[in-house]
All heavy atoms as atom14 arrays in JSON, in Angstrom:
{
  "sequence": "LVQLVTLIRMGIPTDPPNEYLVMYESIATFRANEDFLPVMAQLSLD",
  "atom14_mask": [
    [1, 1, 1, 1, 1, 1, 1, 1, 0, 0, 0, 0, 0, 0],
    [1, 1, 1, 1, 1, 1, 1, 0, 0, 0, 0, 0, 0, 0],
    [1, 1, 1, 1, 1, 1, 1, 1, 1, 0, 0, 0, 0, 0],
    [1, 1, 1, 1, 1, 1, 1, 1, 0, 0, 0, 0, 0, 0],
    [1, 1, 1, 1, 1, 1, 1, 0, 0, 0, 0, 0, 0, 0],
    [1, 1, 1, 1, 1, 1, 1, 0, 0, 0, 0, 0, 0, 0],
    [1, 1, 1, 1, 1, 1, 1, 1, 0, 0, 0, 0, 0, 0],
    [1, 1, 1, 1, 1, 1, 1, 1, 0, 0, 0, 0, 0, 0],
    [1, 1, 1, 1, 1, 1, 1, 1, 1, 1, 1, 0, 0, 0],
    [1, 1, 1, 1, 1, 1, 1, 1, 0, 0, 0, 0, 0, 0],
    [1, 1, 1, 1, 0, 0, 0, 0, 0, 0, 0, 0, 0, 0],
    [1, 1, 1, 1, 1, 1, 1, 1, 0, 0, 0, 0, 0, 0],
    [1, 1, 1, 1, 1, 1, 1, 0, 0, 0, 0, 0, 0, 0],
    [1, 1, 1, 1, 1, 1, 1, 0, 0, 0, 0, 0, 0, 0],
    [1, 1, 1, 1, 1, 1, 1, 1, 0, 0, 0, 0, 0, 0],
    [1, 1, 1, 1, 1, 1, 1, 0, 0, 0, 0, 0, 0, 0],
    [1, 1, 1, 1, 1, 1, 1, 0, 0, 0, 0, 0, 0, 0],
    [1, 1, 1, 1, 1, 1, 1, 1, 0, 0, 0, 0, 0, 0],
    [1, 1, 1, 1, 1, 1, 1, 1, 1, 0, 0, 0, 0, 0],
    [1, 1, 1, 1, 1, 1, 1, 1, 1, 1, 1, 1, 0, 0],
    [1, 1, 1, 1, 1, 1, 1, 1, 0, 0, 0, 0, 0, 0],
    [1, 1, 1, 1, 1, 1, 1, 0, 0, 0, 0, 0, 0, 0],
    [1, 1, 1, 1, 1, 1, 1, 1, 0, 0, 0, 0, 0, 0],
    [1, 1, 1, 1, 1, 1, 1, 1, 1, 1, 1, 1, 0, 0],
    [1, 1, 1, 1, 1, 1, 1, 1, 1, 0, 0, 0, 0, 0],
    [1, 1, 1, 1, 1, 1, 0, 0, 0, 0, 0, 0, 0, 0],
    [1, 1, 1, 1, 1, 1, 1, 1, 0, 0, 0, 0, 0, 0],
    [1, 1, 1, 1, 1, 0, 0, 0, 0, 0, 0, 0, 0, 0],
    [1, 1, 1, 1, 1, 1, 1, 0, 0, 0, 0, 0, 0, 0],
    [1, 1, 1, 1, 1, 1, 1, 1, 1, 1, 1, 0, 0, 0],
    [1, 1, 1, 1, 1, 1, 1, 1, 1, 1, 1, 0, 0, 0],
    [1, 1, 1, 1, 1, 0, 0, 0, 0, 0, 0, 0, 0, 0],
    [1, 1, 1, 1, 1, 1, 1, 1, 0, 0, 0, 0, 0, 0],
    [1, 1, 1, 1, 1, 1, 1, 1, 1, 0, 0, 0, 0, 0],
    [1, 1, 1, 1, 1, 1, 1, 1, 0, 0, 0, 0, 0, 0],
    [1, 1, 1, 1, 1, 1, 1, 1, 1, 1, 1, 0, 0, 0],
    [1, 1, 1, 1, 1, 1, 1, 1, 0, 0, 0, 0, 0, 0],
    [1, 1, 1, 1, 1, 1, 1, 0, 0, 0, 0, 0, 0, 0],
    [1, 1, 1, 1, 1, 1, 1, 0, 0, 0, 0, 0, 0, 0],
    [1, 1, 1, 1, 1, 1, 1, 1, 0, 0, 0, 0, 0, 0],
    [1, 1, 1, 1, 1, 0, 0, 0, 0, 0, 0, 0, 0, 0],
    [1, 1, 1, 1, 1, 1, 1, 1, 1, 0, 0, 0, 0, 0],
    [1, 1, 1, 1, 1, 1, 1, 1, 0, 0, 0, 0, 0, 0],
    [1, 1, 1, 1, 1, 1, 0, 0, 0, 0, 0, 0, 0, 0],
    [1, 1, 1, 1, 1, 1, 1, 1, 0, 0, 0, 0, 0, 0],
    [1, 1, 1, 1, 1, 1, 1, 1, 0, 0, 0, 0, 0, 0]
  ],
  "atom14_positions": [
    [[-235.52, 111.77, 93.29], [-236.85, 111.68, 93.88], [-237.89, 111.23, 92.82], [-238.72, 110.37, 93.12], [-237.24, 113.06, 94.47], [-238.51, 113.05, 95.36], [-238.4, 114.1, 96.45], [-239.73, 113.38, 94.5], [0.0, 0.0, 0.0], [0.0, 0.0, 0.0], [0.0, 0.0, 0.0], [0.0, 0.0, 0.0], [0.0, 0.0, 0.0], [0.0, 0.0, 0.0]],
    [[-237.83, 111.84, 91.68], [-238.71, 111.44, 90.55], [-238.44, 109.99, 90.2], [-239.37, 109.17, 89.97], [-238.5, 112.33, 89.29], [-239.29, 111.81, 88.16], [-238.83, 113.76, 89.65], [0.0, 0.0, 0.0], [0.0, 0.0, 0.0], [0.0, 0.0, 0.0], [0.0, 0.0, 0.0], [0.0, 0.0, 0.0], [0.0, 0.0, 0.0], [0.0, 0.0, 0.0]],
    [[-237.19, 109.6, 90.1], [-236.84, 108.24, 89.79], [-237.35, 107.23, 90.82], [-237.9, 106.16, 90.43], [-235.3, 108.06, 89.66], [-234.69, 108.8, 88.48], [-233.19, 108.66, 88.5], [-232.54, 108.72, 89.57], [-232.6, 108.53, 87.3], [0.0, 0.0, 0.0], [0.0, 0.0, 0.0], [0.0, 0.0, 0.0], [0.0, 0.0, 0.0], [0.0, 0.0, 0.0]],
    [[-237.26, 107.56, 92.08], [-237.75, 106.63, 93.09], [-239.24, 106.44, 93.03], [-239.74, 105.28, 93.06], [-237.42, 107.18, 94.47], [-237.84, 106.29, 95.68], [-237.23, 104.87, 95.59], [-237.51, 106.97, 97.01], [0.0, 0.0, 0.0], [0.0, 0.0, 0.0], [0.0, 0.0, 0.0], [0.0, 0.0, 0.0], [0.0, 0.0, 0.0], [0.0, 0.0, 0.0]],
    [[-240.01, 107.49, 92.82], [-241.44, 107.38, 92.72], [-241.81, 106.56, 91.44], [-242.67, 105.69, 91.51], [-242.14, 108.74, 92.68], [-243.6, 108.61, 92.35], [-241.92, 109.48, 93.97], [0.0, 0.0, 0.0], [0.0, 0.0, 0.0], [0.0, 0.0, 0.0], [0.0, 0.0, 0.0], [0.0, 0.0, 0.0], [0.0, 0.0, 0.0], [0.0, 0.0, 0.0]],
    [[-241.1, 106.8, 90.38], [-241.31, 106.03, 89.16], [-241.04, 104.54, 89.35], [-241.85, 103.69, 88.92], [-240.42, 106.56, 88.01], [-240.69, 107.92, 87.76], [-240.64, 105.74, 86.7], [0.0, 0.0, 0.0], [0.0, 0.0, 0.0], [0.0, 0.0, 0.0], [0.0, 0.0, 0.0], [0.0, 0.0, 0.0], [0.0, 0.0, 0.0], [0.0, 0.0, 0.0]],
    [[-239.96, 104.24, 90.03], [-239.58, 102.86, 90.26], [-240.64, 102.11, 91.09], [-241.03, 101.01, 90.78], [-238.22, 102.8, 90.96], [-237.49, 101.43, 90.97], [-237.17, 100.99, 89.55], [-236.22, 101.55, 91.8], [0.0, 0.0, 0.0], [0.0, 0.0, 0.0], [0.0, 0.0, 0.0], [0.0, 0.0, 0.0], [0.0, 0.0, 0.0], [0.0, 0.0, 0.0]],
    [[-241.1, 102.84, 92.16], [-242.16, 102.22, 93.01], [-243.43, 102.03, 92.25], [-244.06, 100.96, 92.31], [-242.35, 103.09, 94.24], [-241.14, 102.99, 95.18], [-243.59, 102.68, 94.98], [-241.13, 103.93, 96.38], [0.0, 0.0, 0.0], [0.0, 0.0, 0.0], [0.0, 0.0, 0.0], [0.0, 0.0, 0.0], [0.0, 0.0, 0.0], [0.0, 0.0, 0.0]],
    [[-243.86, 103.03, 91.54], [-245.15, 102.93, 90.83], [-245.11, 101.83, 89.78], [-246.03, 101.08, 89.63], [-245.51, 104.3, 90.21], [-245.85, 105.37, 91.2], [-246.43, 106.62, 90.51], [-247.67, 106.26, 89.82], [-248.86, 106.2, 90.45], [-248.98, 106.4, 91.74], [-249.92, 105.87, 89.74], [0.0, 0.0, 0.0], [0.0, 0.0, 0.0], [0.0, 0.0, 0.0]],
    [[-244.02, 101.75, 89.0], [-243.94, 100.76, 87.96], [-243.72, 99.36, 88.51], [-243.95, 98.36, 87.8], [-242.82, 101.11, 86.98], [-243.1, 102.37, 86.2], [-241.9, 102.76, 84.94], [-242.27, 101.41, 83.71], [0.0, 0.0, 0.0], [0.0, 0.0, 0.0], [0.0, 0.0, 0.0], [0.0, 0.0, 0.0], [0.0, 0.0, 0.0], [0.0, 0.0, 0.0]],
    [[-243.33, 99.25, 89.75], [-243.11, 97.92, 90.37], [-244.45, 97.27, 90.76], [-244.5, 96.06, 91.08], [0.0, 0.0, 0.0], [0.0, 0.0, 0.0], [0.0, 0.0, 0.0], [0.0, 0.0, 0.0], [0.0, 0.0, 0.0], [0.0, 0.0, 0.0], [0.0, 0.0, 0.0], [0.0, 0.0, 0.0], [0.0, 0.0, 0.0], [0.0, 0.0, 0.0]],
    [[-245.55, 98.1, 90.76], [-246.89, 97.56, 91.04], [-247.77, 98.01, 89.91], [-248.54, 98.97, 90.03], [-247.4, 98.06, 92.4], [-246.4, 97.76, 93.52], [-248.76, 97.43, 92.72], [-246.78, 98.25, 94.86], [0.0, 0.0, 0.0], [0.0, 0.0, 0.0], [0.0, 0.0, 0.0], [0.0, 0.0, 0.0], [0.0, 0.0, 0.0], [0.0, 0.0, 0.0]],
    [[-247.71, 97.32, 88.78], [-248.46, 97.81, 87.57], [-249.95, 97.61, 87.73], [-250.41, 96.7, 88.42], [-247.93, 96.92, 86.46], [-247.42, 95.65, 87.17], [-246.87, 96.14, 88.51], [0.0, 0.0, 0.0], [0.0, 0.0, 0.0], [0.0, 0.0, 0.0], [0.0, 0.0, 0.0], [0.0, 0.0, 0.0], [0.0, 0.0, 0.0], [0.0, 0.0, 0.0]],
    [[-250.7, 98.5, 87.18], [-252.16, 98.46, 87.2], [-252.7, 97.23, 86.41], [-253.61, 96.55, 86.89], [-252.76, 99.71, 86.63], [-252.34, 100.81, 87.42], [-254.3, 99.71, 86.63], [0.0, 0.0, 0.0], [0.0, 0.0, 0.0], [0.0, 0.0, 0.0], [0.0, 0.0, 0.0], [0.0, 0.0, 0.0], [0.0, 0.0, 0.0], [0.0, 0.0, 0.0]],
    [[-252.09, 96.96, 85.3], [-252.56, 95.83, 84.46], [-251.31, 94.99, 84.12], [-250.74, 95.07, 83.05], [-253.16, 96.35, 83.16], [-253.76, 95.26, 82.29], [-254.03, 94.16, 82.85], [-253.98, 95.5, 81.1], [0.0, 0.0, 0.0], [0.0, 0.0, 0.0], [0.0, 0.0, 0.0], [0.0, 0.0, 0.0], [0.0, 0.0, 0.0], [0.0, 0.0, 0.0]],
    [[-250.9, 94.15, 85.09], [-249.65, 93.4, 84.89], [-249.72, 92.38, 83.72], [-250.77, 91.73, 83.56], [-249.46, 92.65, 86.21], [-250.83, 92.55, 86.79], [-251.5, 93.83, 86.38], [0.0, 0.0, 0.0], [0.0, 0.0, 0.0], [0.0, 0.0, 0.0], [0.0, 0.0, 0.0], [0.0, 0.0, 0.0], [0.0, 0.0, 0.0], [0.0, 0.0, 0.0]],
    [[-248.69, 92.26, 82.95], [-248.68, 91.27, 81.89], [-248.68, 89.83, 82.41], [-248.37, 89.67, 83.58], [-247.38, 91.58, 81.1], [-246.51, 92.25, 82.1], [-247.42, 93.02, 82.98], [0.0, 0.0, 0.0], [0.0, 0.0, 0.0], [0.0, 0.0, 0.0], [0.0, 0.0, 0.0], [0.0, 0.0, 0.0], [0.0, 0.0, 0.0], [0.0, 0.0, 0.0]],
    [[-249.08, 88.9, 81.61], [-249.11, 87.53, 82.04], [-247.83, 87.01, 82.64], [-247.84, 86.26, 83.64], [-249.5, 86.59, 80.9], [-250.94, 86.78, 80.46], [-251.77, 87.26, 81.25], [-251.24, 86.42, 79.24], [0.0, 0.0, 0.0], [0.0, 0.0, 0.0], [0.0, 0.0, 0.0], [0.0, 0.0, 0.0], [0.0, 0.0, 0.0], [0.0, 0.0, 0.0]],
    [[-246.69, 87.5, 82.12], [-245.41, 87.02, 82.6], [-245.18, 87.42, 84.02], [-244.53, 86.69, 84.82], [-244.29, 87.59, 81.74], [-244.19, 86.99, 80.31], [-245.07, 87.71, 79.31], [-245.94, 88.51, 79.74], [-244.94, 87.44, 78.1], [0.0, 0.0, 0.0], [0.0, 0.0, 0.0], [0.0, 0.0, 0.0], [0.0, 0.0, 0.0], [0.0, 0.0, 0.0]],
    [[-245.7, 88.55, 84.43], [-245.54, 89.02, 85.84], [-246.34, 88.04, 86.77], [-245.85, 87.66, 87.84], [-246.06, 90.41, 86.05], [-245.21, 91.57, 85.51], [-244.23, 91.33, 84.56], [-245.4, 92.84, 85.94], [-243.5, 92.38, 84.09], [-244.67, 93.92, 85.5], [-243.71, 93.69, 84.53], [-242.94, 94.69, 84.05], [0.0, 0.0, 0.0], [0.0, 0.0, 0.0]],
    [[-247.57, 87.72, 86.34], [-248.43, 86.93, 87.2], [-247.85, 85.52, 87.35], [-247.87, 84.96, 88.46], [-249.82, 86.86, 86.54], [-250.52, 88.13, 86.4], [-251.87, 87.97, 85.64], [-250.79, 88.82, 87.74], [0.0, 0.0, 0.0], [0.0, 0.0, 0.0], [0.0, 0.0, 0.0], [0.0, 0.0, 0.0], [0.0, 0.0, 0.0], [0.0, 0.0, 0.0]],
    [[-247.28, 84.94, 86.28], [-246.66, 83.66, 86.37], [-245.36, 83.72, 87.24], [-245.12, 82.83, 88.05], [-246.28, 83.09, 84.95], [-245.46, 81.79, 85.09], [-247.52, 82.89, 84.15], [0.0, 0.0, 0.0], [0.0, 0.0, 0.0], [0.0, 0.0, 0.0], [0.0, 0.0, 0.0], [0.0, 0.0, 0.0], [0.0, 0.0, 0.0], [0.0, 0.0, 0.0]],
    [[-244.67, 84.77, 87.1], [-243.47, 85.0, 87.93], [-243.74, 84.95, 89.42], [-243.05, 84.23, 90.16], [-242.87, 86.38, 87.57], [-241.68, 86.85, 88.37], [-241.15, 88.49, 87.8], [-242.44, 89.53, 88.44], [0.0, 0.0, 0.0], [0.0, 0.0, 0.0], [0.0, 0.0, 0.0], [0.0, 0.0, 0.0], [0.0, 0.0, 0.0], [0.0, 0.0, 0.0]],
    [[-244.78, 85.53, 89.86], [-245.11, 85.56, 91.27], [-245.74, 84.2, 91.72], [-245.48, 83.74, 92.76], [-246.01, 86.72, 91.64], [-245.32, 88.06, 91.64], [-245.66, 89.07, 90.78], [-244.24, 88.28, 92.55], [-244.96, 90.3, 90.76], [-243.6, 89.51, 92.53], [-243.96, 90.5, 91.65], [-243.27, 91.73, 91.68], [0.0, 0.0, 0.0], [0.0, 0.0, 0.0]],
    [[-246.62, 83.7, 90.83], [-247.26, 82.43, 91.22], [-246.26, 81.25, 91.35], [-246.54, 80.34, 92.13], [-248.35, 82.08, 90.17], [-249.19, 80.89, 90.61], [-250.21, 80.47, 89.58], [-250.45, 81.23, 88.59], [-250.77, 79.39, 89.72], [0.0, 0.0, 0.0], [0.0, 0.0, 0.0], [0.0, 0.0, 0.0], [0.0, 0.0, 0.0], [0.0, 0.0, 0.0]],
    [[-245.21, 81.32, 90.61], [-244.3, 80.16, 90.57], [-243.16, 80.24, 91.62], [-242.22, 79.46, 91.55], [-243.69, 80.08, 89.16], [-243.03, 81.3, 88.79], [0.0, 0.0, 0.0], [0.0, 0.0, 0.0], [0.0, 0.0, 0.0], [0.0, 0.0, 0.0], [0.0, 0.0, 0.0], [0.0, 0.0, 0.0], [0.0, 0.0, 0.0], [0.0, 0.0, 0.0]],
    [[-243.28, 81.14, 92.57], [-242.27, 81.23, 93.6], [-241.98, 79.89, 94.3], [-240.84, 79.53, 94.54], [-242.61, 82.34, 94.62], [-242.37, 83.71, 93.97], [-241.76, 82.2, 95.88], [-242.82, 84.87, 94.87], [0.0, 0.0, 0.0], [0.0, 0.0, 0.0], [0.0, 0.0, 0.0], [0.0, 0.0, 0.0], [0.0, 0.0, 0.0], [0.0, 0.0, 0.0]],
    [[-243.05, 79.14, 94.6], [-242.89, 77.86, 95.23], [-242.06, 76.87, 94.37], [-241.28, 76.08, 94.9], [-244.24, 77.24, 95.59], [0.0, 0.0, 0.0], [0.0, 0.0, 0.0], [0.0, 0.0, 0.0], [0.0, 0.0, 0.0], [0.0, 0.0, 0.0], [0.0, 0.0, 0.0], [0.0, 0.0, 0.0], [0.0, 0.0, 0.0], [0.0, 0.0, 0.0]],
    [[-242.22, 76.98, 93.05], [-241.47, 76.12, 92.15], [-239.97, 76.4, 92.25], [-239.17, 75.53, 92.27], [-241.93, 76.35, 90.66], [-243.36, 76.05, 90.59], [-241.18, 75.49, 89.71], [0.0, 0.0, 0.0], [0.0, 0.0, 0.0], [0.0, 0.0, 0.0], [0.0, 0.0, 0.0], [0.0, 0.0, 0.0], [0.0, 0.0, 0.0], [0.0, 0.0, 0.0]],
    [[-239.66, 77.71, 92.39], [-238.24, 78.05, 92.49], [-237.62, 77.54, 93.8], [-236.48, 77.1, 93.83], [-238.08, 79.62, 92.39], [-238.7, 80.21, 91.2], [-239.3, 81.45, 91.26], [-238.66, 79.55, 89.97], [-239.89, 81.99, 90.13], [-239.26, 80.09, 88.84], [-239.88, 81.33, 88.94], [0.0, 0.0, 0.0], [0.0, 0.0, 0.0], [0.0, 0.0, 0.0]],
    [[-238.39, 77.63, 94.86], [-237.9, 77.17, 96.14], [-237.59, 75.66, 96.13], [-236.69, 75.18, 96.82], [-238.92, 77.49, 97.27], [-239.05, 78.93, 97.63], [-239.94, 79.17, 98.82], [-239.4, 78.56, 100.03], [-239.89, 77.57, 100.66], [-240.9, 76.91, 100.19], [-239.32, 77.11, 101.75], [0.0, 0.0, 0.0], [0.0, 0.0, 0.0], [0.0, 0.0, 0.0]],
    [[-238.36, 74.92, 95.34], [-238.22, 73.44, 95.33], [-237.17, 72.97, 94.36], [-236.85, 71.8, 94.32], [-239.58, 72.84, 94.99], [0.0, 0.0, 0.0], [0.0, 0.0, 0.0], [0.0, 0.0, 0.0], [0.0, 0.0, 0.0], [0.0, 0.0, 0.0], [0.0, 0.0, 0.0], [0.0, 0.0, 0.0], [0.0, 0.0, 0.0], [0.0, 0.0, 0.0]],
    [[-236.62, 73.87, 93.57], [-235.66, 73.49, 92.55], [-234.33, 74.27, 92.73], [-234.28, 75.43, 92.43], [-236.19, 73.68, 91.13], [-235.33, 73.03, 90.08], [-234.11, 73.05, 90.13], [-235.99, 72.46, 89.07], [0.0, 0.0, 0.0], [0.0, 0.0, 0.0], [0.0, 0.0, 0.0], [0.0, 0.0, 0.0], [0.0, 0.0, 0.0], [0.0, 0.0, 0.0]],
    [[-233.34, 73.58, 93.21], [-232.08, 74.31, 93.57], [-231.41, 74.86, 92.32], [-230.61, 75.88, 92.43], [-231.15, 73.37, 94.29], [-231.6, 72.94, 95.68], [-230.59, 72.14, 96.46], [-229.52, 71.86, 95.86], [-230.85, 71.81, 97.65], [0.0, 0.0, 0.0], [0.0, 0.0, 0.0], [0.0, 0.0, 0.0], [0.0, 0.0, 0.0], [0.0, 0.0, 0.0]],
    [[-231.67, 74.33, 91.14], [-231.05, 74.85, 89.96], [-231.55, 76.24, 89.61], [-230.89, 77.03, 88.96], [-231.32, 73.9, 88.77], [-230.61, 72.58, 88.91], [-229.54, 72.53, 89.64], [-231.04, 71.6, 88.29], [0.0, 0.0, 0.0], [0.0, 0.0, 0.0], [0.0, 0.0, 0.0], [0.0, 0.0, 0.0], [0.0, 0.0, 0.0], [0.0, 0.0, 0.0]],
    [[-232.8, 76.51, 90.06], [-233.4, 77.85, 89.75], [-232.98, 78.89, 90.66], [-233.05, 80.08, 90.31], [-234.94, 77.71, 89.83], [-235.55, 76.82, 88.74], [-236.91, 76.53, 88.76], [-234.78, 76.27, 87.73], [-237.47, 75.71, 87.81], [-235.31, 75.49, 86.77], [-236.7, 75.17, 86.79], [0.0, 0.0, 0.0], [0.0, 0.0, 0.0], [0.0, 0.0, 0.0]],
    [[-232.56, 78.56, 91.91], [-232.35, 79.59, 92.95], [-231.28, 80.58, 92.49], [-231.5, 81.78, 92.69], [-231.93, 78.85, 94.22], [-233.04, 78.04, 94.87], [-232.53, 77.39, 96.18], [-234.28, 78.89, 95.13], [0.0, 0.0, 0.0], [0.0, 0.0, 0.0], [0.0, 0.0, 0.0], [0.0, 0.0, 0.0], [0.0, 0.0, 0.0], [0.0, 0.0, 0.0]],
    [[-230.11, 80.18, 91.95], [-229.11, 81.17, 91.58], [-229.66, 82.15, 90.48], [-229.32, 83.32, 90.54], [-227.97, 80.37, 90.97], [-228.11, 79.0, 91.63], [-229.57, 78.81, 91.71], [0.0, 0.0, 0.0], [0.0, 0.0, 0.0], [0.0, 0.0, 0.0], [0.0, 0.0, 0.0], [0.0, 0.0, 0.0], [0.0, 0.0, 0.0], [0.0, 0.0, 0.0]],
    [[-230.49, 81.63, 89.56], [-231.03, 82.48, 88.52], [-231.97, 83.55, 89.16], [-231.86, 84.76, 88.88], [-231.85, 81.6, 87.48], [-232.5, 82.53, 86.49], [-230.91, 80.6, 86.86], [0.0, 0.0, 0.0], [0.0, 0.0, 0.0], [0.0, 0.0, 0.0], [0.0, 0.0, 0.0], [0.0, 0.0, 0.0], [0.0, 0.0, 0.0], [0.0, 0.0, 0.0]],
    [[-232.85, 83.09, 90.0], [-233.8, 84.02, 90.56], [-233.15, 84.97, 91.56], [-233.54, 86.12, 91.67], [-234.96, 83.24, 91.31], [-235.67, 82.27, 90.4], [-236.06, 82.9, 88.74], [-237.2, 84.22, 89.11], [0.0, 0.0, 0.0], [0.0, 0.0, 0.0], [0.0, 0.0, 0.0], [0.0, 0.0, 0.0], [0.0, 0.0, 0.0], [0.0, 0.0, 0.0]],
    [[-232.06, 84.48, 92.23], [-231.35, 85.37, 93.14], [-230.67, 86.52, 92.37], [-230.69, 87.68, 92.82], [-230.32, 84.59, 93.93], [0.0, 0.0, 0.0], [0.0, 0.0, 0.0], [0.0, 0.0, 0.0], [0.0, 0.0, 0.0], [0.0, 0.0, 0.0], [0.0, 0.0, 0.0], [0.0, 0.0, 0.0], [0.0, 0.0, 0.0], [0.0, 0.0, 0.0]],
    [[-230.11, 86.18, 91.2], [-229.5, 87.28, 90.43], [-230.54, 88.24, 89.86], [-230.27, 89.45, 89.84], [-228.76, 86.65, 89.23], [-228.01, 87.65, 88.34], [-226.99, 88.42, 89.14], [-226.1, 87.88, 89.75], [-227.07, 89.73, 89.06], [0.0, 0.0, 0.0], [0.0, 0.0, 0.0], [0.0, 0.0, 0.0], [0.0, 0.0, 0.0], [0.0, 0.0, 0.0]],
    [[-231.7, 87.74, 89.46], [-232.72, 88.59, 88.94], [-233.23, 89.56, 90.02], [-233.49, 90.75, 89.79], [-233.86, 87.79, 88.37], [-233.55, 86.99, 87.1], [-234.67, 86.04, 86.71], [-233.2, 87.92, 85.92], [0.0, 0.0, 0.0], [0.0, 0.0, 0.0], [0.0, 0.0, 0.0], [0.0, 0.0, 0.0], [0.0, 0.0, 0.0], [0.0, 0.0, 0.0]],
    [[-233.35, 89.02, 91.22], [-233.74, 89.88, 92.39], [-232.7, 90.9, 92.67], [-233.04, 92.05, 92.96], [-234.03, 89.02, 93.65], [-235.12, 88.16, 93.43], [0.0, 0.0, 0.0], [0.0, 0.0, 0.0], [0.0, 0.0, 0.0], [0.0, 0.0, 0.0], [0.0, 0.0, 0.0], [0.0, 0.0, 0.0], [0.0, 0.0, 0.0], [0.0, 0.0, 0.0]],
    [[-231.42, 90.53, 92.61], [-230.32, 91.46, 92.85], [-230.34, 92.62, 91.82], [-230.12, 93.78, 92.14], [-229.0, 90.73, 92.8], [-227.76, 91.56, 93.07], [-227.85, 92.24, 94.44], [-226.5, 90.72, 92.93], [0.0, 0.0, 0.0], [0.0, 0.0, 0.0], [0.0, 0.0, 0.0], [0.0, 0.0, 0.0], [0.0, 0.0, 0.0], [0.0, 0.0, 0.0]],
    [[-230.65, 92.27, 90.58], [-230.73, 93.31, 89.52], [-231.81, 94.32, 89.87], [-231.58, 95.54, 89.68], [-231.06, 92.65, 88.15], [-229.92, 91.82, 87.63], [-228.78, 92.0, 88.1], [-230.15, 91.0, 86.74], [0.0, 0.0, 0.0], [0.0, 0.0, 0.0], [0.0, 0.0, 0.0], [0.0, 0.0, 0.0], [0.0, 0.0, 0.0], [0.0, 0.0, 0.0]]
  ]
}
């Protein structure tokens, strides 16, 4: 229960680092490049 709350809270950081912001903004780039899809799929699975 503690782990679940921690996971959820840390998944929405109050002050996200630049890398997080680029990660979300670039989703359209990943969709347009088939070479990227397996990489991002594995990262999501993790």
